[in-house]
Amino acid sequence: MRRSRRGVLRTGALALAAGLAGCSARDDGTSGATTTDGTTAAGAADTPATPSLEGCVVTASAGAAEPVPTAADGSADAETTLSVRWNARTQSSLSQRDSDFTSYTPTRGNVYIVFRLELTPAVDRAVRVAPFGLFGLRARLRDATWFQEPPLQTLDAVFDTGFTLSPGETRSGVLSFEVPRELDAATLVRYSDADERPDSAFETSCDRALDVGVGL
């Protein structure tokens, strides 16, 4: 049976991210040499860490997490297009508001990048959306770049499984990604195998006033 390139990428990405996270945290659990302006402190690698992102770049954080410059790019040759209004921030933990039971803590040396997404069809017909098959994250740390899928956990039931959007209908939800705390840049992307033509792509508009709506 042919193994999906996406599955191979996901396996490699998880291994790479785990290795990078293990190397990037000091014994006291704090972050290493990378500073919040994207440059490296004295004694770090000579490779510049300044992110190279196109379009709107959001830098926001909550809790003990430092912000990771974050963008979105859903362009692809697809039959259907979604409009995605988004905002994002880096968080040291996740919890569902008004709940004492739903909470997540990243592994040591990692943080969460949390996206609030509002999805609307950009075509005049109903659109079937499967968020976990549509979105992915392109992550960059120093000279390494990898792609990863969102975890199966979600704080919004509307994003648990696929759903259909009627023309003009908007659905809001949250996607989170666990990444090394020293990540230099992150981009929400249309994640698909290189040899497939995706069913859906998305056009983005960032809104820094959009409430991410996830607690610590």
Protein backbone atom coordinates (compact mmCIF):
# COMPACT_ATOMS: atom_id res chain seq x y z
CA MET A 1 0.00 0.00 0.00
CA ARG A 2 1.34 3.46 -0.95
CA ARG A 3 2.34 5.43 2.08
CA SER A 4 1.13 9.03 2.10
CA ARG A 5 3.89 11.60 1.82
CA ARG A 6 1.95 13.64 4.35
CA GLY A 7 2.20 10.77 6.83
CA VAL A 8 5.95 10.55 6.26
CA LEU A 9 6.32 14.32 6.72
CA ARG A 10 4.24 14.23 9.90
CA THR A 11 6.38 11.43 11.41
CA GLY A 12 9.58 13.25 10.54
CA ALA A 13 8.25 16.57 11.80
CA LEU A 14 7.29 15.15 15.18
CA ALA A 15 10.74 13.61 15.59
CA LEU A 16 12.46 16.83 14.51
CA ALA A 17 10.32 19.01 16.76
CA ALA A 18 10.93 16.73 19.73
CA GLY A 19 14.68 16.84 19.13
CA LEU A 20 14.75 20.61 18.73
CA ALA A 21 12.63 21.10 21.84
CA GLY A 22 14.95 18.91 23.86
CA CYS A 23 17.98 20.93 22.75
CA SER A 24 16.40 24.35 23.17
CA ALA A 25 15.52 24.23 26.88
CA ARG A 26 17.99 24.72 29.71
CA ASP A 27 17.87 22.57 32.82
CA ASP A 28 15.82 25.21 34.61
CA GLY A 29 13.11 24.96 31.95
CA THR A 30 13.59 28.48 30.60
CA SER A 31 14.25 29.36 26.99
CA GLY A 32 17.74 29.44 25.50
CA ALA A 33 19.64 32.02 23.45
CA THR A 34 16.98 33.32 21.07
CA THR A 35 15.69 36.77 22.02
CA THR A 36 12.24 38.19 21.37
CA ASP A 37 13.40 40.34 18.45
CA GLY A 38 14.37 37.26 16.45
CA THR A 39 18.16 37.67 16.82
CA THR A 40 20.48 35.36 18.70
CA ALA A 41 22.35 36.24 21.86
CA ALA A 42 26.12 36.08 22.21
CA GLY A 43 27.49 32.58 21.91
CA ALA A 44 24.58 31.32 19.79
CA ALA A 45 24.77 30.15 16.19
CA ASP A 46 25.78 32.76 13.59
CA THR A 47 22.74 31.99 11.39
CA PRO A 48 20.30 34.95 11.59
CA ALA A 49 16.94 34.01 13.10
CA THR A 50 15.01 36.97 11.72
CA PRO A 51 11.71 35.55 10.36
CA SER A 52 10.87 35.99 6.69
CA LEU A 53 7.07 36.08 6.53
CA GLU A 54 4.77 37.63 3.95
CA GLY A 55 1.55 39.49 4.61
CA CYS A 56 0.18 40.18 8.08
CA VAL A 57 2.46 39.01 10.90
CA VAL A 58 1.02 38.68 14.41
CA THR A 59 3.25 38.72 17.49
CA ALA A 60 1.22 38.16 20.65
CA SER A 61 1.53 35.88 23.65
CA ALA A 62 -0.08 34.95 26.96
CA GLY A 63 1.24 33.42 30.14
CA ALA A 64 4.96 32.68 30.33
CA ALA A 65 5.36 32.23 26.56
CA GLU A 66 7.36 34.60 24.37
CA PRO A 67 5.60 35.59 21.11
CA VAL A 68 6.38 33.68 17.90
CA PRO A 69 5.94 35.75 14.69
CA THR A 70 2.94 34.11 13.01
CA ALA A 71 1.39 34.47 9.56
CA ALA A 72 -1.12 32.62 7.33
CA ASP A 73 -0.94 31.56 3.68
CA GLY A 74 -3.59 29.25 2.25
CA SER A 75 -2.94 29.81 -1.45
CA ALA A 76 -3.17 26.71 -3.62
CA ASP A 77 -4.59 25.54 -6.94
CA ALA A 78 -7.94 24.25 -5.69
CA GLU A 79 -11.56 24.01 -6.84
CA THR A 80 -13.00 25.66 -3.72
CA THR A 81 -11.82 28.66 -1.71
CA LEU A 82 -12.59 29.64 1.87
CA SER A 83 -12.26 33.08 3.39
CA VAL A 84 -10.39 32.82 6.68
CA ARG A 85 -10.37 35.68 9.19
CA TRP A 86 -7.78 34.88 11.83
CA ASN A 87 -5.80 35.90 14.85
CA ALA A 88 -3.18 33.96 16.80
CA ARG A 89 -1.01 34.03 19.88
CA THR A 90 1.58 31.91 21.68
CA GLN A 91 0.50 30.40 25.00
CA SER A 92 2.21 28.46 27.77
CA SER A 93 -0.91 26.32 28.34
CA LEU A 94 -4.48 25.87 27.09
CA SER A 95 -7.78 25.70 28.89
CA GLN A 96 -11.40 25.92 27.91
CA ARG A 97 -13.04 29.02 29.30
CA ASP A 98 -15.55 28.43 32.09
CA SER A 99 -14.31 24.86 32.54
CA ASP A 100 -12.35 23.30 35.38
CA PHE A 101 -11.80 20.06 33.48
CA THR A 102 -10.46 20.78 29.97
CA SER A 103 -6.84 21.91 29.99
CA TYR A 104 -3.58 21.04 28.24
CA THR A 105 0.08 21.54 29.12
CA PRO A 106 2.82 21.23 26.48
CA THR A 107 5.85 19.02 26.90
CA ARG A 108 8.89 20.64 28.47
CA GLY A 109 10.53 23.22 26.22
CA ASN A 110 7.39 23.64 24.07
CA VAL A 111 4.55 26.14 23.83
CA TYR A 112 1.26 26.34 21.94
CA ILE A 113 0.51 28.53 18.95
CA VAL A 114 -3.25 29.04 19.02
CA PHE A 115 -5.28 30.23 16.03
CA ARG A 116 -8.81 31.59 16.17
CA LEU A 117 -10.34 31.06 12.72
CA GLU A 118 -13.59 32.31 11.21
CA LEU A 119 -14.36 30.37 8.02
CA THR A 120 -16.74 31.56 5.28
CA PRO A 121 -17.16 30.18 1.74
CA ALA A 122 -15.58 32.44 -0.86
CA VAL A 123 -17.75 30.83 -3.55
CA ASP A 124 -21.50 30.93 -4.11
CA ARG A 125 -22.19 27.34 -3.09
CA ALA A 126 -22.04 25.09 -0.04
CA VAL A 127 -18.54 24.01 0.96
CA ARG A 128 -17.55 20.90 2.89
CA VAL A 129 -14.77 21.65 5.38
CA ALA A 130 -12.56 19.14 7.19
CA PRO A 131 -10.24 21.34 9.29
CA PHE A 132 -7.79 18.59 10.26
CA GLY A 133 -7.31 17.72 6.58
CA LEU A 134 -7.09 21.34 5.46
CA PHE A 135 -4.78 23.22 7.82
CA GLY A 136 -1.19 22.70 8.82
CA LEU A 137 1.69 24.70 10.25
CA ARG A 138 4.97 25.52 8.55
CA ALA A 139 7.49 25.99 11.35
CA ARG A 140 11.01 27.40 11.17
CA LEU A 141 13.75 27.22 13.77
CA ARG A 142 17.21 28.43 12.74
CA ASP A 143 17.98 26.62 9.46
CA ALA A 144 15.34 23.89 9.90
CA THR A 145 11.83 24.04 8.38
CA TRP A 146 9.13 21.41 8.85
CA PHE A 147 5.36 20.96 8.55
CA GLN A 148 3.00 19.58 11.16
CA GLU A 149 -0.69 18.88 11.56
CA PRO A 150 -2.80 20.24 14.41
CA PRO A 151 -3.29 17.70 17.21
CA LEU A 152 -6.61 15.91 17.37
CA GLN A 153 -7.51 17.78 20.56
CA THR A 154 -9.56 20.92 20.13
CA LEU A 155 -11.34 23.29 22.45
CA ASP A 156 -14.21 23.85 20.00
CA ALA A 157 -16.59 21.01 19.18
CA VAL A 158 -17.41 22.60 15.82
CA PHE A 159 -13.86 21.80 14.67
CA ASP A 160 -13.81 18.21 15.93
CA THR A 161 -15.05 16.79 12.63
CA GLY A 162 -15.94 18.03 9.18
CA PHE A 163 -18.92 20.27 8.53
CA THR A 164 -20.69 22.01 5.64
CA LEU A 165 -20.86 25.77 5.26
CA SER A 166 -23.70 27.34 3.28
CA PRO A 167 -22.99 30.43 1.16
CA GLY A 168 -22.50 33.39 3.50
CA GLU A 169 -22.37 31.20 6.64
CA THR A 170 -19.47 31.67 9.07
CA ARG A 171 -18.11 29.09 11.51
CA SER A 172 -15.60 29.95 14.22
CA GLY A 173 -13.15 27.61 15.89
CA VAL A 174 -9.71 27.12 17.38
CA LEU A 175 -6.70 25.18 16.13
CA SER A 176 -3.56 24.78 18.24
CA PHE A 177 -0.05 23.56 17.46
CA GLU A 178 2.61 22.50 19.96
CA VAL A 179 6.03 23.85 18.95
CA PRO A 180 9.46 24.53 20.46
CA ARG A 181 9.37 27.70 22.55
CA GLU A 182 12.31 29.18 20.59
CA LEU A 183 10.58 28.86 17.21
CA ASP A 184 11.60 31.69 14.87
CA ALA A 185 8.50 31.80 12.65
CA ALA A 186 5.22 29.96 12.03
CA THR A 187 2.75 30.06 9.14
CA LEU A 188 -0.71 28.53 8.93
CA VAL A 189 -0.79 26.84 5.52
CA ARG A 190 -2.89 24.66 3.22
CA TYR A 191 -1.23 21.36 4.08
CA SER A 192 -1.35 18.73 1.34
CA ASP A 193 0.85 16.18 -0.38
CA ALA A 194 2.98 17.67 -3.14
CA ASP A 195 1.49 15.30 -5.73
CA GLU A 196 -2.18 16.03 -4.99
CA ARG A 197 -4.48 18.85 -6.05
CA PRO A 198 -6.31 19.93 -2.91
CA ASP A 199 -10.08 20.25 -2.90
CA SER A 200 -9.99 23.50 -0.94
CA ALA A 201 -7.64 26.42 -0.41
CA PHE A 202 -8.14 29.57 1.63
CA GLU A 203 -7.63 33.32 1.39
CA THR A 204 -6.73 35.06 4.61
CA SER A 205 -7.33 38.33 6.41
CA CYS A 206 -5.81 38.85 9.83
CA ASP A 207 -7.65 40.71 12.57
CA ARG A 208 -5.61 41.44 15.69
CA ALA A 209 -8.82 42.49 17.47
CA LEU A 210 -10.36 39.02 17.02
CA ASP A 211 -10.61 37.35 20.41
CA VAL A 212 -8.58 34.14 20.44
CA GLY A 213 -10.87 33.06 23.26
CA VAL A 214 -8.66 30.43 24.90
CA GLY A 215 -7.67 30.58 28.54
CA LEU A 216 -4.48 29.56 30.35
